[in-house]
Amino acid sequence: MDYFLIYINDGVIKILLDKISNFKGNSICLVNQDKYLLHNTIDTLKKNININDILEILPKDGNIKISDIRNMQEFLMYKPNFSDYKLVIIHEIDKMNIQAANAALKILEEPPSFAIIIGTTTRWHHLLPTIRSRLYKFLLPNPDLIDRIKMNILSIIYICLFQ
């Protein structure tokens, strides 16, 4: 699938919110080394949808089990009640055990047209290749990285102009 690089200029959340409804019927994965940034991004995405149309899956005892995936499949059997789409958030998607990953393959590949499945991870390469191939990857760079890049560009401009 395609890869997207979302730049932070005090508005990565706005960029995602503007485009998130375009991903109905798709599965995406937000990737960043900072769990705090991932958590804040998810919290902002959840504000625009009714709580009854959101399902969050968190690792229990260190991993995501097949029962969690079955709950997700059952949740996605019915259309949304109060929103335009249903939102499933799988926190730390890389922590799915093998059975859960195999059970999730079909639903990740072809979610219902009224659903968006969002996974988050700090370790993209720990996902099974079969799972990675079914997700759109959103790289969320750290805000401090963008600030450093801007400072380097300004330094280069300053050197070019005043030397």
Protein backbone atom coordinates (compact mmCIF):
# COMPACT_ATOMS: atom_id res chain seq x y z
CA MET A 1 0.00 0.00 0.00
CA ASP A 2 1.00 3.64 -0.26
CA TYR A 3 3.07 5.42 2.35
CA PHE A 4 2.29 8.89 3.61
CA LEU A 5 4.57 11.32 5.43
CA ILE A 6 2.63 13.83 7.49
CA TYR A 7 4.62 16.92 8.46
CA ILE A 8 3.99 18.71 11.72
CA ASN A 9 3.68 22.46 11.43
CA ASP A 10 1.50 22.97 14.48
CA GLY A 11 -1.23 21.03 12.73
CA VAL A 12 -0.60 17.33 12.14
CA ILE A 13 -3.85 16.59 13.91
CA LYS A 14 -5.77 18.98 11.66
CA ILE A 15 -4.23 17.41 8.58
CA LEU A 16 -5.32 13.95 9.71
CA LEU A 17 -8.78 15.11 10.72
CA ASP A 18 -9.34 16.77 7.39
CA LYS A 19 -8.44 13.59 5.54
CA ILE A 20 -9.54 10.85 7.93
CA SER A 21 -13.02 10.45 6.44
CA ASN A 22 -11.36 9.72 3.08
CA PHE A 23 -10.06 6.52 4.65
CA LYS A 24 -13.47 4.94 5.27
CA GLY A 25 -13.15 1.29 4.33
CA ASN A 26 -9.37 1.30 4.95
CA SER A 27 -6.86 0.39 7.61
CA ILE A 28 -4.09 2.79 8.58
CA CYS A 29 -1.20 2.71 11.01
CA LEU A 30 0.24 5.73 12.81
CA VAL A 31 3.96 5.28 13.39
CA ASN A 32 6.18 7.28 15.73
CA GLN A 33 8.77 6.53 18.39
CA ASP A 34 6.91 8.73 20.87
CA LYS A 35 3.91 7.01 22.48
CA TYR A 36 2.76 10.35 23.90
CA LEU A 37 2.45 11.86 20.41
CA LEU A 38 0.54 8.78 19.18
CA HIS A 39 -1.79 8.97 22.19
CA ASN A 40 -2.50 12.68 21.64
CA THR A 41 -3.16 12.11 17.93
CA ILE A 42 -5.67 9.36 18.72
CA ASP A 43 -7.37 11.48 21.40
CA THR A 44 -7.85 14.27 18.89
CA LEU A 45 -9.26 11.87 16.29
CA LYS A 46 -11.73 10.51 18.83
CA LYS A 47 -13.18 13.96 19.58
CA ASN A 48 -14.97 14.09 16.22
CA ILE A 49 -16.88 10.85 16.59
CA ASN A 50 -19.52 9.61 19.01
CA ILE A 51 -18.13 7.38 21.77
CA ASN A 52 -20.61 4.61 20.83
CA ASP A 53 -19.00 4.29 17.41
CA ILE A 54 -15.45 3.84 18.76
CA LEU A 55 -13.78 0.62 19.80
CA GLU A 56 -10.33 0.74 21.39
CA ILE A 57 -8.16 -2.34 21.72
CA LEU A 58 -5.31 -2.19 24.20
CA PRO A 59 -2.72 -4.88 24.91
CA LYS A 60 -3.61 -6.91 27.99
CA ASP A 61 -0.78 -8.69 29.77
CA GLY A 62 1.62 -7.51 27.09
CA ASN A 63 -0.21 -8.58 23.94
CA ILE A 64 -3.41 -8.39 21.93
CA LYS A 65 -5.30 -11.67 21.90
CA ILE A 66 -7.59 -13.31 19.37
CA SER A 67 -10.62 -12.54 21.60
CA ASP A 68 -9.91 -8.82 21.10
CA ILE A 69 -9.93 -9.30 17.33
CA ARG A 70 -13.18 -11.24 17.52
CA ASN A 71 -14.71 -8.38 19.53
CA MET A 72 -13.57 -6.01 16.79
CA GLN A 73 -15.14 -8.18 14.09
CA GLU A 74 -18.41 -8.27 16.02
CA PHE A 75 -18.30 -4.48 16.55
CA LEU A 76 -17.88 -3.98 12.79
CA MET A 77 -20.83 -6.19 11.86
CA TYR A 78 -23.25 -3.27 12.23
CA LYS A 79 -23.31 0.21 10.73
CA PRO A 80 -22.54 3.24 12.91
CA ASN A 81 -25.33 4.49 15.15
CA PHE A 82 -24.46 8.14 15.71
CA SER A 83 -21.59 9.02 13.35
CA ASP A 84 -20.68 8.82 9.68
CA TYR A 85 -18.27 5.96 10.34
CA LYS A 86 -17.07 3.56 13.00
CA LEU A 87 -13.56 3.93 14.35
CA VAL A 88 -11.50 1.01 15.63
CA ILE A 89 -8.22 1.89 17.33
CA ILE A 90 -5.69 -0.86 17.96
CA HIS A 91 -3.07 0.56 20.31
CA GLU A 92 0.39 -0.97 19.94
CA ILE A 93 -0.69 -3.13 17.01
CA ASP A 94 2.76 -4.73 16.97
CA LYS A 95 1.80 -6.56 20.18
CA MET A 96 -0.73 -8.85 18.46
CA ASN A 97 0.04 -12.49 19.01
CA ILE A 98 0.21 -14.78 15.97
CA GLN A 99 -3.36 -16.06 16.35
CA ALA A 100 -4.74 -12.52 16.66
CA ALA A 101 -2.70 -11.34 13.66
CA ASN A 102 -4.00 -14.19 11.52
CA ALA A 103 -7.58 -13.50 12.62
CA ALA A 104 -7.15 -9.79 11.81
CA LEU A 105 -5.84 -10.27 8.26
CA LYS A 106 -9.19 -10.37 6.49
CA ILE A 107 -10.77 -7.46 8.37
CA LEU A 108 -7.62 -5.32 7.96
CA GLU A 109 -7.54 -6.01 4.23
CA GLU A 110 -11.22 -5.27 3.64
CA PRO A 111 -12.83 -3.31 6.47
CA PRO A 112 -16.51 -2.44 6.00
CA SER A 113 -17.10 0.70 3.93
CA PHE A 114 -18.36 2.52 7.05
CA ALA A 115 -15.29 1.78 9.19
CA ILE A 116 -11.76 3.05 9.68
CA ILE A 117 -9.27 0.86 11.49
CA ILE A 118 -6.32 2.71 13.00
CA GLY A 119 -3.34 0.95 14.50
CA THR A 120 -0.56 2.67 16.39
CA THR A 121 2.98 1.46 16.82
CA THR A 122 6.44 2.59 17.77
CA ARG A 123 7.94 -0.47 16.07
CA TRP A 124 6.70 -0.75 12.48
CA HIS A 125 9.19 -3.47 11.54
CA HIS A 126 8.01 -5.73 14.38
CA LEU A 127 4.66 -6.14 12.63
CA LEU A 128 4.22 -9.28 10.58
CA PRO A 129 4.78 -8.60 6.87
CA THR A 130 1.23 -9.77 6.15
CA ILE A 131 -0.14 -7.15 8.56
CA ARG A 132 2.15 -4.38 7.23
CA SER A 133 0.99 -5.04 3.68
CA ARG A 134 -2.62 -4.35 4.66
CA LEU A 135 -2.05 -1.00 6.35
CA TYR A 136 -1.49 2.53 5.05
CA LYS A 137 1.53 3.79 6.95
CA PHE A 138 1.46 7.32 8.39
CA LEU A 139 4.85 8.47 9.64
CA LEU A 140 4.37 11.17 12.25
CA PRO A 141 7.68 12.99 12.76
CA ASN A 142 8.42 14.49 16.16
CA PRO A 143 7.77 18.23 16.47
CA ASP A 144 11.29 18.83 17.81
CA LEU A 145 12.70 17.24 14.64
CA ILE A 146 10.77 19.69 12.48
CA ASP A 147 12.02 22.57 14.64
CA ARG A 148 15.63 21.40 14.20
CA ILE A 149 15.16 21.15 10.43
CA LYS A 150 13.73 24.68 10.35
CA MET A 151 16.67 25.98 12.42
CA ASN A 152 19.17 24.30 10.08
CA ILE A 153 17.47 25.83 7.05
CA LEU A 154 17.50 29.26 8.70
CA SER A 155 21.20 28.83 9.52
CA ILE A 156 21.98 27.93 5.92
CA ILE A 157 20.02 30.94 4.66
CA TYR A 158 21.81 33.21 7.13
CA ILE A 159 25.23 31.90 6.07
CA CYS A 160 24.38 32.31 2.38
CA LEU A 161 23.10 35.87 2.84
CA PHE A 162 25.70 37.28 5.20
CA GLN A 163 28.94 35.68 4.07
